[in-house]
Amino acid sequence: MIELVAGANTPLPGAAVAVRLDGGYDLSALVLGSGGKVGGDGDFVFYNAPRAPGVSVAPGRVEVTPARLRAGAERVVVVASPDGPSGAGPRATLAGPDGRPFARLPALGPEAALLLAEIYPRAGAWRVRAIGQGYSDGLAGLARDFGVQVDDDGTGTPAGPGAGASRGDPPVDEVVAATNAERARHGLGGLAVDVRLTRAAHAHTADMVRRGFFAHENPDGAQVWDRAVAAGYPYRKVAENIAAGQRTAAEVVRGWMDSPGHRANILDGELTQIGVGRVEGGEYGVYWTQVFGTPR
């Protein structure tokens, strides 16, 4: 059986793939279009709405048949949420149409919502990539990244126009606004929020809190460009700022602007997009990441 680390991928062994996970987790799936967001109610597949074209959800199992996905679907993301206190992280497995497991995903962390894997096309064939990204803020994180509006009862519907990467997290919105204000003061255009860069920024921030490090290179040796690619962002240029301990958006952006290297990233006229991550916890209390990019 293949052991997939976060960001690693492998071809589907047939026409369908099943993601299996036992041990007190609810599974769901998001069907995403070219903008990296859901496009309608039917794109959020969960226990109350367990079927969509090409996707079905059952206890402990999500099955995806790429050839049957709705028109315009470009990938499917599988999500796990613990239905009670989570202990040692279990590992999901991937099975082909014959039911035989062919790969195992990374162990789950303690977060309230976790991205397990994504199924996506590449060079005319469908592949599956391990993600291993957790959201300490649960389904609110999904709302930010994928345009799903989370209701009071824990279900979700697509958010309206303009929803996306920074929805529902004011400090993240404020970092984007403050960064673009600094660029405007220096005659530069504003950076557009990109859902994939946001995903990479949140993943690195959560990883620093979870594993107790503070660096651009994680303990596995991955750098910002590796995380951007793992999030599905084909880049021409990419850069990253990190910070820890600052309590407000104004404070963290001011600190970055006072640092020559961070300032250079914020004021780089070749960069056009941004994603921001913020996670509370760890040694410094709150961690921040900005990921900048220009797509290929």
C-alpha atoms as a PDB file:
ATOM      1  CA  MET A   1       0.000   0.000   0.000  1.00  0.00           C
ATOM      2  CA  ILE A   2       1.267   3.475  -0.884  1.00  0.00           C
ATOM      3  CA  GLU A   3       1.926   5.807   2.077  1.00  0.00           C
ATOM      4  CA  LEU A   4       1.013   9.320   0.956  1.00  0.00           C
ATOM      5  CA  VAL A   5       2.478  12.310   2.799  1.00  0.00           C
ATOM      6  CA  ALA A   6       0.762  15.706   2.615  1.00  0.00           C
ATOM      7  CA  GLY A   7       1.057  17.047  -0.934  1.00  0.00           C
ATOM      8  CA  ALA A   8       1.892  13.678  -2.499  1.00  0.00           C
ATOM      9  CA  ASN A   9      -0.349  12.297  -5.226  1.00  0.00           C
ATOM     10  CA  THR A  10      -1.005   9.090  -7.123  1.00  0.00           C
ATOM     11  CA  PRO A  11      -3.165   8.084 -10.130  1.00  0.00           C
ATOM     12  CA  LEU A  12      -6.599   6.611  -9.558  1.00  0.00           C
ATOM     13  CA  PRO A  13      -6.441   2.856 -10.183  1.00  0.00           C
ATOM     14  CA  GLY A  14      -9.774   2.823 -11.991  1.00  0.00           C
ATOM     15  CA  ALA A  15     -12.966   4.724 -12.721  1.00  0.00           C
ATOM     16  CA  ALA A  16     -13.769   5.513  -9.083  1.00  0.00           C
ATOM     17  CA  VAL A  17     -12.087   6.021  -5.721  1.00  0.00           C
ATOM     18  CA  ALA A  18     -13.420   5.569  -2.191  1.00  0.00           C
ATOM     19  CA  VAL A  19     -12.029   7.458   0.803  1.00  0.00           C
ATOM     20  CA  ARG A  20     -12.619   5.432   3.965  1.00  0.00           C
ATOM     21  CA  LEU A  21     -12.274   6.599   7.557  1.00  0.00           C
ATOM     22  CA  ASP A  22     -13.574   4.918  10.688  1.00  0.00           C
ATOM     23  CA  GLY A  23     -13.463   6.043  14.285  1.00  0.00           C
ATOM     24  CA  GLY A  24     -16.012   8.757  15.016  1.00  0.00           C
ATOM     25  CA  TYR A  25     -15.633  11.108  12.050  1.00  0.00           C
ATOM     26  CA  ASP A  26     -18.264  12.549   9.729  1.00  0.00           C
ATOM     27  CA  LEU A  27     -17.173  12.662   6.103  1.00  0.00           C
ATOM     28  CA  SER A  28     -18.319  15.161   3.495  1.00  0.00           C
ATOM     29  CA  ALA A  29     -17.209  16.342   0.062  1.00  0.00           C
ATOM     30  CA  LEU A  30     -16.991  19.638  -1.822  1.00  0.00           C
ATOM     31  CA  VAL A  31     -17.300  19.749  -5.605  1.00  0.00           C
ATOM     32  CA  LEU A  32     -15.306  22.738  -6.856  1.00  0.00           C
ATOM     33  CA  GLY A  33     -15.241  24.622 -10.134  1.00  0.00           C
ATOM     34  CA  SER A  34     -12.520  26.626 -11.839  1.00  0.00           C
ATOM     35  CA  GLY A  35     -12.543  29.347  -9.179  1.00  0.00           C
ATOM     36  CA  GLY A  36     -11.834  26.838  -6.418  1.00  0.00           C
ATOM     37  CA  LYS A  37     -15.300  27.297  -4.874  1.00  0.00           C
ATOM     38  CA  VAL A  38     -18.619  25.498  -4.746  1.00  0.00           C
ATOM     39  CA  GLY A  39     -21.112  26.644  -7.359  1.00  0.00           C
ATOM     40  CA  GLY A  40     -24.462  25.600  -5.883  1.00  0.00           C
ATOM     41  CA  ASP A  41     -26.261  23.791  -3.100  1.00  0.00           C
ATOM     42  CA  GLY A  42     -25.581  20.416  -4.669  1.00  0.00           C
ATOM     43  CA  ASP A  43     -21.808  20.914  -4.479  1.00  0.00           C
ATOM     44  CA  PHE A  44     -21.721  20.363  -0.697  1.00  0.00           C
ATOM     45  CA  VAL A  45     -22.289  16.633  -0.167  1.00  0.00           C
ATOM     46  CA  PHE A  46     -22.797  15.562   3.462  1.00  0.00           C
ATOM     47  CA  TYR A  47     -25.001  13.382   5.651  1.00  0.00           C
ATOM     48  CA  ASN A  48     -28.164  15.457   5.050  1.00  0.00           C
ATOM     49  CA  ALA A  49     -27.542  15.637   1.278  1.00  0.00           C
ATOM     50  CA  PRO A  50     -25.516  12.479   0.604  1.00  0.00           C
ATOM     51  CA  ARG A  51     -25.569  12.375  -3.195  1.00  0.00           C
ATOM     52  CA  ALA A  52     -24.491  14.571  -6.072  1.00  0.00           C
ATOM     53  CA  PRO A  53     -23.456  13.686  -9.644  1.00  0.00           C
ATOM     54  CA  GLY A  54     -20.368  11.534  -9.286  1.00  0.00           C
ATOM     55  CA  VAL A  55     -20.170  11.797  -5.468  1.00  0.00           C
ATOM     56  CA  SER A  56     -21.831   9.856  -2.654  1.00  0.00           C
ATOM     57  CA  VAL A  57     -21.370  10.005   1.111  1.00  0.00           C
ATOM     58  CA  ALA A  58     -22.101   7.184   3.569  1.00  0.00           C
ATOM     59  CA  PRO A  59     -20.936   6.573   7.155  1.00  0.00           C
ATOM     60  CA  GLY A  60     -17.154   6.259   7.042  1.00  0.00           C
ATOM     61  CA  ARG A  61     -16.974   6.529   3.257  1.00  0.00           C
ATOM     62  CA  VAL A  62     -16.934   9.023   0.373  1.00  0.00           C
ATOM     63  CA  GLU A  63     -16.979   7.648  -3.176  1.00  0.00           C
ATOM     64  CA  VAL A  64     -16.061   9.739  -6.216  1.00  0.00           C
ATOM     65  CA  THR A  65     -16.582   8.749  -9.863  1.00  0.00           C
ATOM     66  CA  PRO A  66     -14.910  11.539 -11.864  1.00  0.00           C
ATOM     67  CA  ALA A  67     -16.613  10.763 -15.195  1.00  0.00           C
ATOM     68  CA  ARG A  68     -20.007  11.398 -13.583  1.00  0.00           C
ATOM     69  CA  LEU A  69     -19.236  14.770 -11.994  1.00  0.00           C
ATOM     70  CA  ARG A  70     -21.370  17.775 -12.958  1.00  0.00           C
ATOM     71  CA  ALA A  71     -20.341  19.911 -15.904  1.00  0.00           C
ATOM     72  CA  GLY A  72     -17.648  22.397 -14.890  1.00  0.00           C
ATOM     73  CA  ALA A  73     -16.434  20.407 -11.887  1.00  0.00           C
ATOM     74  CA  GLU A  74     -12.646  20.493 -11.682  1.00  0.00           C
ATOM     75  CA  ARG A  75     -11.942  18.727  -8.410  1.00  0.00           C
ATOM     76  CA  VAL A  76     -13.481  17.146  -5.339  1.00  0.00           C
ATOM     77  CA  VAL A  77     -12.187  17.777  -1.811  1.00  0.00           C
ATOM     78  CA  VAL A  78     -12.973  15.246   0.927  1.00  0.00           C
ATOM     79  CA  VAL A  79     -13.459  16.625   4.460  1.00  0.00           C
ATOM     80  CA  ALA A  80     -13.516  14.922   7.878  1.00  0.00           C
ATOM     81  CA  SER A  81     -15.062  16.347  11.049  1.00  0.00           C
ATOM     82  CA  PRO A  82     -14.859  14.558  14.421  1.00  0.00           C
ATOM     83  CA  ASP A  83     -18.300  13.915  15.909  1.00  0.00           C
ATOM     84  CA  GLY A  84     -16.888  14.107  19.441  1.00  0.00           C
ATOM     85  CA  PRO A  85     -13.574  14.677  21.253  1.00  0.00           C
ATOM     86  CA  SER A  86     -10.758  13.554  18.962  1.00  0.00           C
ATOM     87  CA  GLY A  87      -7.902  11.465  20.250  1.00  0.00           C
ATOM     88  CA  ALA A  88      -4.928  10.023  18.412  1.00  0.00           C
ATOM     89  CA  GLY A  89      -5.389  10.805  14.738  1.00  0.00           C
ATOM     90  CA  PRO A  90      -6.572   7.866  12.631  1.00  0.00           C
ATOM     91  CA  ARG A  91      -5.544   7.428   8.999  1.00  0.00           C
ATOM     92  CA  ALA A  92      -7.924   7.304   6.069  1.00  0.00           C
ATOM     93  CA  THR A  93      -7.402   4.796   3.263  1.00  0.00           C
ATOM     94  CA  LEU A  94      -8.087   4.999  -0.468  1.00  0.00           C
ATOM     95  CA  ALA A  95      -9.717   2.092  -2.286  1.00  0.00           C
ATOM     96  CA  GLY A  96     -10.299   1.426  -5.962  1.00  0.00           C
ATOM     97  CA  PRO A  97     -13.429   0.158  -7.748  1.00  0.00           C
ATOM     98  CA  ASP A  98     -12.649  -3.399  -6.642  1.00  0.00           C
ATOM     99  CA  GLY A  99     -12.761  -2.338  -2.988  1.00  0.00           C
ATOM    100  CA  ARG A 100      -9.080  -3.063  -2.390  1.00  0.00           C
ATOM    101  CA  PRO A 101      -7.083  -0.349  -0.558  1.00  0.00           C
ATOM    102  CA  PHE A 102      -4.204   1.071  -2.586  1.00  0.00           C
ATOM    103  CA  ALA A 103      -3.015   4.052  -0.479  1.00  0.00           C
ATOM    104  CA  ARG A 104      -3.109   5.492   3.011  1.00  0.00           C
ATOM    105  CA  LEU A 105      -3.400   9.193   3.900  1.00  0.00           C
ATOM    106  CA  PRO A 106      -1.515  11.064   6.664  1.00  0.00           C
ATOM    107  CA  ALA A 107      -2.744  10.824  10.259  1.00  0.00           C
ATOM    108  CA  LEU A 108      -5.426  13.324  11.197  1.00  0.00           C
ATOM    109  CA  GLY A 109      -4.712  16.171  13.589  1.00  0.00           C
ATOM    110  CA  PRO A 110      -6.916  17.484  16.414  1.00  0.00           C
ATOM    111  CA  GLU A 111      -8.669  20.242  14.439  1.00  0.00           C
ATOM    112  CA  ALA A 112     -12.453  20.539  14.155  1.00  0.00           C
ATOM    113  CA  ALA A 113     -12.399  20.085  10.372  1.00  0.00           C
ATOM    114  CA  LEU A 114      -9.720  18.439   8.249  1.00  0.00           C
ATOM    115  CA  LEU A 115      -9.126  18.261   4.497  1.00  0.00           C
ATOM    116  CA  LEU A 116      -8.205  14.661   3.744  1.00  0.00           C
ATOM    117  CA  ALA A 117      -7.653  14.514  -0.007  1.00  0.00           C
ATOM    118  CA  GLU A 118      -8.590  15.999  -3.353  1.00  0.00           C
ATOM    119  CA  ILE A 119      -9.401  14.247  -6.631  1.00  0.00           C
ATOM    120  CA  TYR A 120      -8.373  16.287  -9.673  1.00  0.00           C
ATOM    121  CA  PRO A 121      -7.412  15.859 -13.372  1.00  0.00           C
ATOM    122  CA  ARG A 122      -3.870  16.160 -14.644  1.00  0.00           C
ATOM    123  CA  ALA A 123      -2.674  15.484 -18.199  1.00  0.00           C
ATOM    124  CA  GLY A 124      -5.870  13.707 -19.176  1.00  0.00           C
ATOM    125  CA  ALA A 125      -6.012  11.410 -16.147  1.00  0.00           C
ATOM    126  CA  TRP A 126      -7.515  11.698 -12.670  1.00  0.00           C
ATOM    127  CA  ARG A 127      -5.301  11.665  -9.600  1.00  0.00           C
ATOM    128  CA  VAL A 128      -5.739  11.858  -5.848  1.00  0.00           C
ATOM    129  CA  ARG A 129      -3.593  14.097  -3.637  1.00  0.00           C
ATOM    130  CA  ALA A 130      -3.184  13.895   0.146  1.00  0.00           C
ATOM    131  CA  ILE A 131      -3.885  17.254   1.827  1.00  0.00           C
ATOM    132  CA  GLY A 132      -3.716  16.798   5.605  1.00  0.00           C
ATOM    133  CA  GLN A 133      -4.815  20.383   6.367  1.00  0.00           C
ATOM    134  CA  GLY A 134      -6.765  21.134   9.541  1.00  0.00           C
ATOM    135  CA  TYR A 135      -9.032  24.015  10.525  1.00  0.00           C
ATOM    136  CA  SER A 136      -9.094  24.782  14.235  1.00  0.00           C
ATOM    137  CA  ASP A 137     -12.143  26.974  13.565  1.00  0.00           C
ATOM    138  CA  GLY A 138     -14.038  24.072  12.008  1.00  0.00           C
ATOM    139  CA  LEU A 139     -16.518  24.650   9.214  1.00  0.00           C
ATOM    140  CA  ALA A 140     -15.877  28.402   9.376  1.00  0.00           C
ATOM    141  CA  GLY A 141     -12.536  27.650   7.741  1.00  0.00           C
ATOM    142  CA  LEU A 142     -14.319  25.889   4.911  1.00  0.00           C
ATOM    143  CA  ALA A 143     -16.520  28.949   4.485  1.00  0.00           C
ATOM    144  CA  ARG A 144     -13.432  31.100   4.021  1.00  0.00           C
ATOM    145  CA  ASP A 145     -11.759  28.838   1.526  1.00  0.00           C
ATOM    146  CA  PHE A 146     -14.564  27.318  -0.506  1.00  0.00           C
ATOM    147  CA  GLY A 147     -17.531  29.701  -0.318  1.00  0.00           C
ATOM    148  CA  VAL A 148     -19.721  27.492   1.875  1.00  0.00           C
ATOM    149  CA  GLN A 149     -22.005  29.457   4.226  1.00  0.00           C
ATOM    150  CA  VAL A 150     -22.222  27.562   7.527  1.00  0.00           C
ATOM    151  CA  ASP A 151     -25.653  27.713   9.168  1.00  0.00           C
ATOM    152  CA  ASP A 152     -26.389  27.624  12.882  1.00  0.00           C
ATOM    153  CA  ASP A 153     -27.337  23.960  12.707  1.00  0.00           C
ATOM    154  CA  GLY A 154     -23.897  23.022  11.362  1.00  0.00           C
ATOM    155  CA  THR A 155     -25.047  22.430   7.799  1.00  0.00           C
ATOM    156  CA  GLY A 156     -23.746  24.479   4.921  1.00  0.00           C
ATOM    157  CA  THR A 157     -24.868  26.233   1.777  1.00  0.00           C
ATOM    158  CA  PRO A 158     -22.840  28.137  -0.798  1.00  0.00           C
ATOM    159  CA  ALA A 159     -22.147  31.735   0.122  1.00  0.00           C
ATOM    160  CA  GLY A 160     -23.205  34.529  -2.170  1.00  0.00           C
ATOM    161  CA  PRO A 161     -21.094  36.464  -4.670  1.00  0.00           C
ATOM    162  CA  GLY A 162     -17.869  37.796  -3.231  1.00  0.00           C
ATOM    163  CA  ALA A 163     -17.645  35.122  -0.534  1.00  0.00           C
ATOM    164  CA  GLY A 164     -14.409  33.262  -0.272  1.00  0.00           C
ATOM    165  CA  ALA A 165     -11.007  33.280   1.239  1.00  0.00           C
ATOM    166  CA  SER A 166     -11.401  35.857   3.974  1.00  0.00           C
ATOM    167  CA  ARG A 167     -15.132  35.543   4.712  1.00  0.00           C
ATOM    168  CA  GLY A 168     -15.970  35.266   8.407  1.00  0.00           C
ATOM    169  CA  ASP A 169     -12.520  36.087   9.850  1.00  0.00           C
ATOM    170  CA  PRO A 170     -12.176  39.870  10.423  1.00  0.00           C
ATOM    171  CA  PRO A 171      -8.437  39.827  11.347  1.00  0.00           C
ATOM    172  CA  VAL A 172      -7.646  38.084   8.073  1.00  0.00           C
ATOM    173  CA  ASP A 173      -9.743  40.616   6.145  1.00  0.00           C
ATOM    174  CA  GLU A 174      -7.932  43.411   7.966  1.00  0.00           C
ATOM    175  CA  VAL A 175      -4.479  42.028   7.070  1.00  0.00           C
ATOM    176  CA  VAL A 176      -5.442  41.993   3.387  1.00  0.00           C
ATOM    177  CA  ALA A 177      -6.835  45.531   3.610  1.00  0.00           C
ATOM    178  CA  ALA A 178      -3.793  46.871   5.486  1.00  0.00           C
ATOM    179  CA  THR A 179      -1.407  45.183   3.043  1.00  0.00           C
ATOM    180  CA  ASN A 180      -3.222  46.687   0.058  1.00  0.00           C
ATOM    181  CA  ALA A 181      -3.239  50.093   1.758  1.00  0.00           C
ATOM    182  CA  GLU A 182       0.556  49.929   2.043  1.00  0.00           C
ATOM    183  CA  ARG A 183       0.812  49.002  -1.630  1.00  0.00           C
ATOM    184  CA  ALA A 184      -1.494  51.880  -2.598  1.00  0.00           C
ATOM    185  CA  ARG A 185       0.694  54.319  -0.661  1.00  0.00           C
ATOM    186  CA  HIS A 186       3.603  53.222  -2.839  1.00  0.00           C
ATOM    187  CA  GLY A 187       1.706  53.418  -6.131  1.00  0.00           C
ATOM    188  CA  LEU A 188       1.049  49.679  -6.458  1.00  0.00           C
ATOM    189  CA  GLY A 189      -2.179  47.893  -7.287  1.00  0.00           C
ATOM    190  CA  GLY A 190      -4.004  45.838  -4.685  1.00  0.00           C
ATOM    191  CA  LEU A 191      -3.557  42.088  -4.292  1.00  0.00           C
ATOM    192  CA  ALA A 192      -6.559  39.847  -5.034  1.00  0.00           C
ATOM    193  CA  VAL A 193      -7.397  37.157  -2.500  1.00  0.00           C
ATOM    194  CA  ASP A 194      -6.860  33.680  -3.955  1.00  0.00           C
ATOM    195  CA  VAL A 195      -8.480  30.661  -2.316  1.00  0.00           C
ATOM    196  CA  ARG A 196      -5.500  28.392  -3.043  1.00  0.00           C
ATOM    197  CA  LEU A 197      -2.974  30.784  -1.516  1.00  0.00           C
ATOM    198  CA  THR A 198      -5.287  31.169   1.474  1.00  0.00           C
ATOM    199  CA  ARG A 199      -5.340  27.405   1.839  1.00  0.00           C
ATOM    200  CA  ALA A 200      -1.529  27.273   1.741  1.00  0.00           C
ATOM    201  CA  ALA A 201      -1.224  30.140   4.257  1.00  0.00           C
ATOM    202  CA  HIS A 202      -3.701  28.599   6.693  1.00  0.00           C
ATOM    203  CA  ALA A 203      -2.094  25.171   6.392  1.00  0.00           C
ATOM    204  CA  HIS A 204       1.385  26.492   7.228  1.00  0.00           C
ATOM    205  CA  THR A 205       0.084  28.606  10.114  1.00  0.00           C
ATOM    206  CA  ALA A 206      -1.799  25.669  11.611  1.00  0.00           C
ATOM    207  CA  ASP A 207       1.236  23.437  11.083  1.00  0.00           C
ATOM    208  CA  MET A 208       3.513  25.846  13.000  1.00  0.00           C
ATOM    209  CA  VAL A 209       1.079  25.839  15.920  1.00  0.00           C
ATOM    210  CA  ARG A 210       0.533  22.094  15.841  1.00  0.00           C
ATOM    211  CA  ARG A 211       4.197  21.060  15.563  1.00  0.00           C
ATOM    212  CA  GLY A 212       5.720  23.890  17.581  1.00  0.00           C
ATOM    213  CA  PHE A 213       8.088  25.516  15.075  1.00  0.00           C
ATOM    214  CA  PHE A 214       8.411  28.987  13.539  1.00  0.00           C
ATOM    215  CA  ALA A 215      10.067  28.969  10.129  1.00  0.00           C
ATOM    216  CA  HIS A 216       9.364  29.103   6.406  1.00  0.00           C
ATOM    217  CA  GLU A 217      10.721  25.561   6.069  1.00  0.00           C
ATOM    218  CA  ASN A 218       8.627  23.000   7.917  1.00  0.00           C
ATOM    219  CA  PRO A 219      10.136  19.980   9.709  1.00  0.00           C
ATOM    220  CA  ASP A 220       9.625  17.888   6.556  1.00  0.00           C
ATOM    221  CA  GLY A 221      11.682  20.305   4.464  1.00  0.00           C
ATOM    222  CA  ALA A 222       8.755  21.829   2.546  1.00  0.00           C
ATOM    223  CA  GLN A 223       8.938  25.507   1.566  1.00  0.00           C
ATOM    224  CA  VAL A 224       6.283  27.984   0.462  1.00  0.00           C
ATOM    225  CA  TRP A 225       6.537  26.923  -3.187  1.00  0.00           C
ATOM    226  CA  ASP A 226       5.900  23.307  -2.194  1.00  0.00           C
ATOM    227  CA  ARG A 227       2.834  24.341  -0.206  1.00  0.00           C
ATOM    228  CA  ALA A 228       1.531  26.490  -3.066  1.00  0.00           C
ATOM    229  CA  VAL A 229       1.779  23.587  -5.496  1.00  0.00           C
ATOM    230  CA  ALA A 230       0.157  21.231  -2.981  1.00  0.00           C
ATOM    231  CA  ALA A 231      -2.749  23.688  -2.706  1.00  0.00           C
ATOM    232  CA  GLY A 232      -3.196  23.547  -6.495  1.00  0.00           C
ATOM    233  CA  TYR A 233      -1.566  26.911  -7.325  1.00  0.00           C
ATOM    234  CA  PRO A 234       0.598  26.856 -10.483  1.00  0.00           C
ATOM    235  CA  TYR A 235       2.858  29.844  -9.843  1.00  0.00           C
ATOM    236  CA  ARG A 236       5.170  32.076 -11.811  1.00  0.00           C
ATOM    237  CA  LYS A 237       6.335  33.747  -8.605  1.00  0.00           C
ATOM    238  CA  VAL A 238       5.553  33.074  -4.945  1.00  0.00           C
ATOM    239  CA  ALA A 239       6.667  34.547  -1.606  1.00  0.00           C
ATOM    240  CA  GLU A 240       5.775  34.260   2.070  1.00  0.00           C
ATOM    241  CA  ASN A 241       5.760  36.350   5.263  1.00  0.00           C
ATOM    242  CA  ILE A 242       5.291  34.804   8.715  1.00  0.00           C
ATOM    243  CA  ALA A 243       4.890  36.352  12.159  1.00  0.00           C
ATOM    244  CA  ALA A 244       3.996  35.294  15.702  1.00  0.00           C
ATOM    245  CA  GLY A 245       2.822  37.049  18.833  1.00  0.00           C
ATOM    246  CA  GLN A 246       1.145  40.096  17.292  1.00  0.00           C
ATOM    247  CA  ARG A 247      -2.472  40.398  18.416  1.00  0.00           C
ATOM    248  CA  THR A 248      -3.967  42.632  15.732  1.00  0.00           C
ATOM    249  CA  ALA A 249      -3.808  42.940  11.970  1.00  0.00           C
ATOM    250  CA  ALA A 250      -2.460  46.485  12.248  1.00  0.00           C
ATOM    251  CA  GLU A 251       0.345  45.307  14.528  1.00  0.00           C
ATOM    252  CA  VAL A 252       1.422  42.408  12.331  1.00  0.00           C
ATOM    253  CA  VAL A 253       1.401  44.411   9.095  1.00  0.00           C
ATOM    254  CA  ARG A 254       3.318  47.242  10.792  1.00  0.00           C
ATOM    255  CA  GLY A 255       5.920  44.708  11.928  1.00  0.00           C
ATOM    256  CA  TRP A 256       6.274  43.296   8.429  1.00  0.00           C
ATOM    257  CA  MET A 257       6.663  46.777   6.966  1.00  0.00           C
ATOM    258  CA  ASP A 258       9.444  47.525   9.490  1.00  0.00           C
ATOM    259  CA  SER A 259      11.385  44.460   8.301  1.00  0.00           C
ATOM    260  CA  PRO A 260      13.210  44.919   4.959  1.00  0.00           C
ATOM    261  CA  GLY A 261      12.638  41.387   3.685  1.00  0.00           C
ATOM    262  CA  HIS A 262       8.957  41.271   4.601  1.00  0.00           C
ATOM    263  CA  ARG A 263       8.428  44.807   3.302  1.00  0.00           C
ATOM    264  CA  ALA A 264       9.953  43.791  -0.036  1.00  0.00           C
ATOM    265  CA  ASN A 265       7.380  41.017  -0.397  1.00  0.00           C
ATOM    266  CA  ILE A 266       4.462  43.332   0.401  1.00  0.00           C
ATOM    267  CA  LEU A 267       5.704  45.948  -2.075  1.00  0.00           C
ATOM    268  CA  ASP A 268       6.706  43.544  -4.864  1.00  0.00           C
ATOM    269  CA  GLY A 269       4.970  44.855  -7.982  1.00  0.00           C
ATOM    270  CA  GLU A 270       5.308  41.492  -9.741  1.00  0.00           C
ATOM    271  CA  LEU A 271       3.007  39.803  -7.215  1.00  0.00           C
ATOM    272  CA  THR A 272      -0.755  39.980  -7.889  1.00  0.00           C
ATOM    273  CA  GLN A 273      -2.518  37.669  -5.413  1.00  0.00           C
ATOM    274  CA  ILE A 274      -2.526  36.936  -1.681  1.00  0.00           C
ATOM    275  CA  GLY A 275      -3.718  34.456   0.911  1.00  0.00           C
ATOM    276  CA  VAL A 276      -3.582  34.983   4.678  1.00  0.00           C
ATOM    277  CA  GLY A 277      -3.662  32.496   7.551  1.00  0.00           C
ATOM    278  CA  ARG A 278      -4.144  33.204  11.258  1.00  0.00           C
ATOM    279  CA  VAL A 279      -4.274  30.554  14.005  1.00  0.00           C
ATOM    280  CA  GLU A 280      -4.355  31.037  17.766  1.00  0.00           C
ATOM    281  CA  GLY A 281      -2.296  28.767  20.017  1.00  0.00           C
ATOM    282  CA  GLY A 282       1.269  27.608  20.461  1.00  0.00           C
ATOM    283  CA  GLU A 283       4.121  29.286  22.294  1.00  0.00           C
ATOM    284  CA  TYR A 284       3.411  32.815  21.003  1.00  0.00           C
ATOM    285  CA  GLY A 285      -0.369  32.776  21.283  1.00  0.00           C
ATOM    286  CA  VAL A 286      -1.180  33.661  17.675  1.00  0.00           C
ATOM    287  CA  TYR A 287       0.586  32.925  14.387  1.00  0.00           C
ATOM    288  CA  TRP A 288       0.214  34.641  11.006  1.00  0.00           C
ATOM    289  CA  THR A 289       1.187  33.792   7.430  1.00  0.00           C
ATOM    290  CA  GLN A 290       0.929  35.761   4.196  1.00  0.00           C
ATOM    291  CA  VAL A 291       1.452  33.882   0.945  1.00  0.00           C
ATOM    292  CA  PHE A 292       1.843  36.020  -2.197  1.00  0.00           C
ATOM    293  CA  GLY A 293       1.727  34.714  -5.721  1.00  0.00           C
ATOM    294  CA  THR A 294       1.527  35.386  -9.417  1.00  0.00           C
ATOM    295  CA  PRO A 295      -0.075  32.510 -11.341  1.00  0.00           C
ATOM    296  CA  ARG A 296       1.442  30.909 -14.378  1.00  0.00           C
END
